[in-house]
Protein backbone atom coordinates (compact mmCIF):
# COMPACT_ATOMS: atom_id res chain seq x y z
CA MET A 1 162.19 105.52 149.58
CA ALA A 2 164.61 104.39 152.30
CA GLY A 3 163.42 105.55 155.69
CA SER A 4 160.11 106.81 154.27
CA LEU A 5 157.41 108.06 156.62
CA ALA A 6 154.70 107.43 154.04
CA SER A 7 151.78 105.29 155.15
CA ASP A 8 148.70 103.83 153.51
CA ASP A 9 146.72 103.75 156.77
CA LEU A 10 142.98 104.44 156.91
CA VAL A 11 143.25 108.07 158.07
CA THR A 12 145.52 108.85 155.13
CA GLN A 13 143.26 106.95 152.75
CA VAL A 14 140.19 108.96 153.75
CA LEU A 15 142.08 112.24 153.37
CA HIS A 16 143.17 111.13 149.91
CA GLY A 17 139.60 110.44 148.84
CA LYS A 18 139.45 106.68 149.30
CA GLN A 19 136.76 104.55 150.90
CA THR A 20 137.69 102.40 153.89
CA ASP A 21 136.25 99.31 155.59
CA PHE A 22 135.48 101.25 158.77
CA VAL A 23 135.64 104.85 159.96
CA PRO A 24 139.12 105.66 161.33
CA VAL A 25 139.74 107.63 164.52
CA ALA A 26 142.04 110.64 164.89
CA PRO A 27 141.64 112.57 168.19
CA SER A 28 142.47 116.25 168.00
CA TYR A 29 145.59 117.27 169.96
CA GLU A 30 146.31 113.66 170.88
CA GLY A 31 149.61 114.75 172.45
CA LEU A 32 147.81 116.58 175.27
CA GLY A 33 145.88 115.35 178.29
CA PRO A 34 146.08 111.69 179.34
CA LEU A 35 148.64 110.61 176.74
CA GLN A 36 150.83 113.62 177.57
CA PHE A 37 150.93 112.71 181.26
CA HIS A 38 151.44 109.02 180.52
CA ARG A 39 154.46 109.85 178.35
CA LEU A 40 155.81 112.15 181.06
CA GLU A 41 155.64 109.41 183.71
CA LEU A 42 157.12 106.82 181.35
CA ASN A 43 160.07 109.10 180.60
CA TRP A 44 160.90 109.49 184.29
CA ARG A 45 160.40 105.79 185.01
CA LYS A 46 162.56 104.53 182.14
CA TRP A 47 165.50 106.76 182.99
CA TRP A 48 165.17 105.88 186.69
CA HIS A 49 165.36 102.16 185.84
CA ARG A 50 168.47 102.72 183.76
CA LEU A 51 170.17 104.51 186.64
CA GLU A 52 169.15 101.68 189.00
CA ASN A 53 170.47 99.01 186.65
CA ALA A 54 173.76 100.88 186.26
CA HIS A 55 174.06 101.40 190.08
CA THR A 56 174.86 105.07 189.60
CA ASP A 57 173.45 108.55 190.13
CA LEU A 58 175.14 109.96 187.03
CA LEU A 59 174.60 108.20 183.71
CA PRO A 60 176.25 109.52 180.53
CA VAL A 61 173.70 109.32 177.70
CA ASP A 62 174.71 108.03 174.29
CA TYR A 63 172.51 108.50 171.25
CA GLU A 64 171.47 104.84 170.98
CA THR A 65 170.22 104.79 174.59
CA TYR A 66 168.38 108.08 174.18
CA LEU A 67 166.73 106.83 170.97
CA ALA A 68 165.75 103.53 172.61
CA VAL A 69 164.03 105.35 175.49
CA GLU A 70 162.11 107.63 173.11
CA LEU A 71 160.96 104.68 171.03
CA GLU A 72 160.00 102.62 174.10
CA ILE A 73 157.77 105.47 175.29
CA HIS A 74 155.93 105.74 171.98
CA VAL A 75 155.50 101.98 171.67
CA ASP A 76 154.19 101.70 175.23
CA VAL A 77 151.55 104.36 174.52
CA ILE A 78 150.48 102.73 171.26
CA GLU A 79 150.35 99.20 172.63
CA ARG A 80 148.59 100.11 175.86
CA CYS A 81 146.10 102.83 175.09
CA TYR A 82 146.35 104.37 171.61
CA PRO A 83 145.62 101.61 169.09
CA ARG A 84 146.33 102.16 165.44
CA PRO A 85 145.39 103.65 163.02
CA ALA A 86 144.83 106.73 165.24
CA TRP A 87 147.12 109.49 164.03
CA LEU A 88 150.22 110.92 165.70
CA SER A 89 152.06 114.22 165.40
CA VAL A 90 155.39 113.35 163.78
CA PRO A 91 158.07 112.98 166.49
CA HIS A 92 161.20 115.13 166.15
CA ASN A 93 163.99 113.61 168.22
CA ASP A 94 167.32 115.19 169.09
CA THR A 95 170.27 114.39 166.85
CA PRO A 96 173.52 112.69 167.94
CA ASP A 97 175.29 116.06 168.00
CA GLU A 98 172.61 117.51 170.28
CA ILE A 99 172.80 114.56 172.69
CA ARG A 100 176.60 114.37 172.83
CA GLY A 101 177.95 115.17 176.29
CA TYR A 102 174.62 114.93 178.11
CA ALA A 103 173.94 112.83 181.20
CA ILE A 104 171.03 111.88 183.45
CA ALA A 105 171.67 112.89 187.07
CA ARG A 106 169.79 111.76 190.16
CA ARG A 107 169.51 113.70 193.41
CA GLY A 108 167.18 112.05 195.89
CA GLU A 109 163.92 111.35 194.05
CA ASP A 110 164.62 113.98 191.38
CA LEU A 111 166.07 113.34 187.93
CA PHE A 112 167.74 115.93 185.71
CA TRP A 113 169.07 116.26 182.21
CA LEU A 114 172.62 117.54 182.70
CA SER A 115 174.12 119.46 179.79
CA PRO A 116 177.85 119.45 178.91
CA SER A 117 178.05 122.93 180.45
CA GLY A 118 176.49 121.72 183.70
CA HIS A 119 172.99 123.16 183.24
CA ALA A 120 170.37 120.91 184.90
CA SER A 121 166.82 120.53 183.51
CA TRP A 122 164.34 118.83 185.82
CA ILE A 123 162.51 115.71 184.60
CA PRO A 124 159.00 115.72 186.14
CA PRO A 125 158.12 112.36 187.73
CA SER A 126 154.35 112.69 187.51
CA ARG A 127 151.39 114.74 186.40
CA ALA A 128 150.94 116.14 189.93
CA ALA A 129 154.57 117.31 190.09
CA GLN A 130 154.29 118.90 186.65
CA GLN A 131 151.14 120.78 187.65
CA GLU A 132 152.77 122.02 190.87
CA ALA A 133 155.69 123.37 188.85
CA GLU A 134 153.30 125.11 186.45
CA VAL A 135 151.57 126.85 189.35
CA VAL A 136 154.94 128.25 190.43
CA GLU A 137 155.74 129.34 186.86
CA ARG A 138 152.48 131.29 186.61
CA SER A 139 153.62 133.41 189.56
CA LEU A 140 156.80 134.53 187.78
CA PRO A 141 157.08 138.07 186.35
CA TRP A 142 156.89 136.93 182.72
CA ALA A 143 153.90 134.63 183.26
CA ASP A 144 151.39 137.19 181.93
CA TYR A 145 152.99 137.03 178.44
CA TRP A 146 149.76 135.93 176.75
CA ASP A 147 147.85 138.90 178.17
CA ARG A 148 150.15 141.67 177.06
CA ALA A 149 151.77 142.93 173.90
CA ASP A 150 155.45 142.58 173.06
CA ASN A 151 155.96 145.92 171.32
CA ARG A 152 159.40 145.13 169.95
CA ALA A 153 158.16 141.85 168.49
CA ILE A 154 155.18 143.65 166.95
CA GLN A 155 157.51 146.14 165.27
CA ARG A 156 159.67 143.34 163.89
CA ALA A 157 156.63 141.41 162.66
CA ALA A 158 155.08 144.45 161.00
CA PHE A 159 158.05 146.07 159.34
CA ARG A 160 160.33 143.21 158.38
CA PRO A 161 159.62 143.32 154.64
CA VAL A 162 159.38 139.59 153.95
CA HIS A 163 156.49 140.15 151.56
CA GLN A 164 158.59 142.54 149.47
CA LEU A 165 161.17 139.89 148.58
CA SER A 166 160.29 138.96 145.02
CA PRO A 167 160.61 136.24 144.05
CA ILE A 168 160.80 134.46 147.41
CA PRO A 169 163.63 131.94 147.03
CA ARG A 170 162.65 128.30 147.37
CA PRO A 171 164.84 126.40 149.83
CA ASP A 172 167.61 124.49 148.14
CA ASP A 173 167.01 120.73 147.89
CA ARG A 174 170.35 120.27 149.62
CA GLN A 175 168.94 121.96 152.74
CA ALA A 176 165.99 119.57 152.74
CA ASP A 177 168.27 116.58 152.12
CA ALA A 178 170.42 117.61 155.08
CA LEU A 179 167.35 117.46 157.32
CA VAL A 180 166.26 114.13 155.85
CA HIS A 181 169.66 112.64 156.74
CA SER A 182 170.12 114.51 160.05
CA GLN A 183 168.59 111.68 162.16
CA ARG A 184 165.96 114.17 163.38
CA TYR A 185 163.27 111.69 162.25
CA ASP A 186 164.80 108.45 163.58
CA VAL A 187 161.97 107.80 166.06
CA ALA A 188 159.37 108.47 163.38
CA ARG A 189 161.12 106.08 160.97
CA ALA A 190 161.29 103.40 163.64
CA LEU A 191 157.56 103.72 164.37
CA VAL A 192 156.61 103.45 160.70
CA ARG A 193 158.85 100.39 160.31
CA ARG A 194 157.29 98.79 163.37
CA TYR A 195 153.72 99.60 162.31
CA PRO A 196 153.77 99.62 158.50
CA ASP A 197 150.68 101.18 156.87
CA SER A 198 148.97 101.67 160.22
CA MET A 199 150.83 104.61 161.78
CA PRO A 200 149.53 107.90 160.28
CA LEU A 201 151.90 110.75 161.05
CA TYR A 202 151.03 114.39 160.53
CA THR A 203 153.02 117.61 160.63
CA ASN A 204 151.92 121.08 161.69
CA GLY A 205 151.30 124.17 159.62
CA ALA A 206 150.66 127.81 160.47
CA SER A 207 147.67 130.13 160.24
CA PRO A 208 148.91 133.74 160.08
CA TYR A 209 145.84 135.02 161.93
CA ASN A 210 146.18 132.42 164.69
CA SER A 211 149.64 133.78 165.53
CA LEU A 212 148.34 137.24 166.47
CA GLU A 213 147.39 136.44 170.06
CA GLY A 214 150.89 135.26 170.89
CA LEU A 215 152.24 138.50 169.42
CA PHE A 216 149.79 141.03 170.86
CA GLY A 217 148.08 139.30 173.78
CA PHE A 218 144.32 138.85 173.54
CA GLN A 219 142.98 142.26 174.52
CA PRO A 220 145.56 144.28 172.55
CA MET A 221 144.86 142.03 169.54
CA MET A 222 141.17 142.95 169.71
CA TYR A 223 142.06 146.64 169.84
CA ALA A 224 144.48 146.26 166.93
CA LEU A 225 141.88 144.60 164.69
CA ALA A 226 139.52 147.52 165.25
CA GLU A 227 141.92 150.45 165.51
CA GLN A 228 145.08 149.49 163.57
CA PRO A 229 143.92 147.30 160.67
CA ASP A 230 146.76 148.40 158.37
CA LEU A 231 149.32 147.27 160.96
CA VAL A 232 147.55 143.93 161.34
CA HIS A 233 147.50 143.37 157.58
CA ARG A 234 151.24 144.05 157.32
CA ILE A 235 151.89 141.53 160.07
CA LEU A 236 149.61 138.91 158.52
CA GLU A 237 151.24 139.27 155.13
CA ASN A 238 154.68 138.92 156.68
CA ARG A 239 153.53 135.79 158.54
CA LEU A 240 152.23 133.91 155.52
CA PRO A 241 153.94 130.49 155.49
CA ARG A 242 156.28 129.76 152.63
CA PRO A 243 158.12 126.67 151.42
CA SER A 244 160.86 125.77 153.90
CA ALA A 245 163.57 123.18 154.23
CA ARG A 246 161.49 121.43 156.91
CA LEU A 247 158.41 121.18 154.72
CA LEU A 248 160.41 119.96 151.72
CA ALA A 249 162.22 117.42 153.90
CA GLU A 250 158.96 116.08 155.31
CA ARG A 251 157.50 115.73 151.85
CA LYS A 252 160.67 113.91 150.70
CA LEU A 253 160.18 111.59 153.68
CA GLY A 254 156.63 110.86 152.55
CA LEU A 255 154.60 112.84 155.08
CA SER A 256 151.35 113.93 153.49
CA LEU A 257 149.09 115.12 156.35
CA MET A 258 149.12 118.66 157.75
CA PHE A 259 147.30 120.00 160.84
CA ILE A 260 146.54 123.76 160.89
CA GLU A 261 145.18 125.44 164.01
CA GLU A 262 142.70 128.34 163.80
CA CYS A 263 141.55 129.13 167.34
CA MET A 264 140.79 132.85 167.45
CA ALA A 265 138.72 133.49 164.32
CA SER A 266 135.31 132.11 165.29
CA ALA A 267 132.08 134.09 165.35
CA ASP A 268 132.04 134.19 169.17
CA ILE A 269 135.31 136.18 169.16
CA ILE A 270 135.20 138.34 166.02
CA SER A 271 132.44 139.24 163.61
CA PRO A 272 132.02 137.39 160.28
CA LYS A 273 133.05 140.64 158.57
CA MET A 274 136.32 140.72 160.53
CA TYR A 275 136.88 137.03 159.82
CA ARG A 276 136.57 137.69 156.08
CA GLU A 277 139.02 140.58 156.31
CA PHE A 278 141.71 139.28 158.65
CA ALA A 279 141.57 135.47 158.64
CA PHE A 280 140.00 134.10 155.48
CA PRO A 281 142.33 135.58 152.79
CA TYR A 282 145.50 134.64 154.66
CA ASP A 283 144.27 131.16 155.55
CA LYS A 284 143.39 130.66 151.89
CA GLN A 285 146.90 131.55 150.74
CA ALA A 286 148.50 129.42 153.46
CA ILE A 287 146.37 126.36 152.71
CA GLU A 288 146.92 126.73 148.96
CA MET A 289 150.67 126.74 149.55
CA TYR A 290 150.59 123.62 151.76
CA GLU A 291 148.32 121.76 149.36
CA SER A 292 150.54 122.74 146.42
CA LEU A 293 153.44 120.98 148.17
CA GLY A 294 151.40 117.78 148.31
CA PHE A 295 150.00 117.95 151.83
CA ARG A 296 146.39 117.11 152.65
CA THR A 297 145.46 119.85 155.09
CA VAL A 298 143.20 119.48 158.14
CA LEU A 299 141.94 122.77 159.60
CA TYR A 300 141.12 122.78 163.31
CA PHE A 301 138.55 125.55 163.79
CA SER A 302 137.60 126.12 167.42
CA GLY A 303 134.64 128.15 168.58
CA ASN A 304 131.43 129.00 166.73
CA LEU A 305 131.82 128.22 163.04
CA MET A 306 128.12 128.10 162.16
CA PRO A 307 127.84 131.66 160.66
CA LEU A 308 131.02 131.00 158.64
CA LEU A 309 130.19 127.70 156.92
CA GLU A 310 129.82 129.25 153.47
CA ASP A 311 133.21 130.92 153.84
CA LEU A 312 134.85 127.75 155.14
CA ASN A 313 133.52 125.79 152.18
CA ARG A 314 135.49 128.13 149.90
CA LEU A 315 138.80 127.39 151.66
CA PRO A 316 140.88 124.70 149.92
CA PHE A 317 141.56 122.51 152.98
CA THR A 318 140.95 118.76 152.71
CA GLY A 319 139.39 118.16 156.13
CA ILE A 320 138.05 120.10 159.10
CA ILE A 321 137.85 119.47 162.84
CA PHE A 322 135.53 121.70 164.88
CA GLU A 323 134.50 122.02 168.51
CA GLU A 324 131.69 120.16 170.21
CA ASN A 325 128.54 122.20 170.81
CA ARG A 326 129.10 124.42 173.81
CA LYS A 327 127.86 127.78 175.15
CA ASN A 328 124.66 127.37 173.10
CA TYR A 329 126.45 128.06 169.81
CA GLY A 330 124.25 125.49 168.08
CA ILE A 331 127.21 123.67 166.50
CA ASP A 332 125.62 120.78 164.64
CA LEU A 333 127.40 117.97 162.80
CA ALA A 334 124.57 117.41 160.32
CA THR A 335 124.47 121.09 159.35
CA VAL A 336 128.25 121.19 158.90
CA ARG A 337 128.11 118.09 156.70
CA ARG A 338 125.42 119.63 154.47
CA ALA A 339 127.37 122.88 154.18
CA LEU A 340 130.71 121.17 153.40
CA PRO A 341 129.63 118.21 151.25
CA GLU A 342 133.00 117.60 149.57
CA LYS A 343 135.22 118.09 152.61
CA VAL A 344 136.42 115.37 154.95
CA ILE A 345 134.58 115.98 158.22
CA PHE A 346 136.11 115.01 161.55
CA GLY A 347 133.45 114.20 164.14
CA ASN A 348 133.33 116.57 167.10
CA MET A 349 132.88 114.15 170.00
CA ASP A 350 132.60 115.97 173.33
CA ALA A 351 135.82 115.33 175.27
CA TRP A 352 134.06 115.80 178.62
CA PHE A 353 131.42 113.26 177.55
CA ILE A 354 134.14 110.77 176.55
CA GLU A 355 135.61 110.99 180.06
CA ARG A 356 132.33 110.57 181.92
CA ALA A 357 129.94 108.53 179.75
CA SER A 358 129.45 104.81 180.18
CA ASP A 359 131.01 102.51 177.61
CA GLN A 360 127.65 101.94 175.93
CA GLU A 361 126.79 105.64 175.92
CA LEU A 362 130.11 106.37 174.24
CA LEU A 363 129.54 103.71 171.56
CA ASP A 364 125.99 104.95 170.98
CA GLU A 365 127.26 108.49 170.37
CA VAL A 366 129.92 107.21 167.98
CA LYS A 367 127.24 105.38 166.01
CA ARG A 368 125.02 108.47 165.98
CA GLN A 369 127.83 110.61 164.59
CA ILE A 370 128.58 108.13 161.81
CA ASP A 371 124.87 107.90 160.96
CA VAL A 372 124.59 111.70 160.83
CA ALA A 373 127.77 112.41 158.86
CA GLY A 374 127.78 109.24 156.76
CA PRO A 375 130.67 106.76 156.68
CA ASP A 376 132.36 108.34 153.63
CA ARG A 377 134.66 111.35 153.95
CA PHE A 378 134.35 111.03 157.72
CA ILE A 379 136.91 110.50 160.49
CA LEU A 380 135.95 110.25 164.15
CA SER A 381 137.65 112.87 166.30
CA THR A 382 137.25 115.05 169.37
CA GLY A 383 136.03 118.63 169.35
CA SER A 384 138.62 119.51 171.99
CA PRO A 385 141.67 117.76 173.46
CA LEU A 386 140.90 114.75 175.64
CA THR A 387 140.51 115.90 179.23
CA PRO A 388 143.36 115.16 181.69
CA GLY A 389 140.97 113.05 183.77
CA THR A 390 140.18 110.68 180.90
CA SER A 391 141.48 107.22 181.73
CA LEU A 392 143.87 105.41 179.42
CA ASP A 393 141.32 102.60 179.07
CA ARG A 394 138.74 105.11 177.91
CA VAL A 395 141.18 106.55 175.34
CA LYS A 396 141.68 103.02 174.02
CA LEU A 397 137.94 102.38 173.82
CA PHE A 398 137.38 105.63 171.93
CA CYS A 399 140.11 104.78 169.42
CA GLU A 400 138.63 101.30 168.88
CA SER A 401 134.99 102.41 168.97
CA THR A 402 134.26 102.50 165.25
CA ARG A 403 135.28 98.84 165.00
CA LEU A 404 133.02 97.83 167.91
CA ILE A 405 129.67 99.31 166.90
């Protein structure tokens, strides 16, 4: 397939049931933490250099230049600190139509994206500057969004009768083909061409239950589960994922890995009984749909999963990532492996430990995890995102660790 994003890398092989020469590495949420801040600084630096070379403070941006900068950033990260075959969330770049008319503007030490209408969007120069801006944002009137309910959104989510549309129309292949040819995946194509069969890309799916916090806010969500279960069920049914033009396009492009986040369903937040009522049946339907499209699904389950292992074993996901042991939950890799013998297990390396351990301590823990879980149906990962203080050299060592022990 021309421009295919398919890869026969080791992560993909394990998730498709194959044995590999060594255990691959796939950190959870690799786009956060140290790699996120490195990309941010690279973006500022590369546009600054282009302004310097052009001897101007206002640089019109054409699509080829924009695409080159995006690709340079990804390649720099991979070559410096994120060695293959560690996986990567599939990049979605802007299209030529979306870039047309934009410019990069400089005012003092600040850079801005300047839209055709004159709207300026600040480009943060560093992690420290980004964090300072986030502190200011948290003081704004809408900054408590995650702690409160949006009543109008709840009404729309509950009473929009998506589930009553029968049959639900499948997106037309022409819609998917339009996305395939839209140039939205040009960076992803370029990466796969540059690193053939060693650049595993994954896309993201949705857990209906996981979306409730963003809709209700945490405390109102807890009240709703206990006091308005019928309302919650209507919302969950309406939020079941269905085939879409994006999903069909990504399958046409050859993507076969899907990451699904489930962060609010653990036994430290809700009871196993509530999990079985509000999360399990909807996750099951969602995962079945994604797998039916040809994706191998990886469920990220944060929090205490130990009382739910029997339930999780009945979900049709291919692989699971779970948190490191914290707060005395007793999360244990060996127990999870015994409970989920046919699933691909992602090791739950402690992100804080990765930042602070010595090189030898890190390698010893990697070896211990492989010995406990076994080398088959196992991928080394992190229980939580890598911490912002983790050095780029340490990220590289972690990604190479299974080849060094």
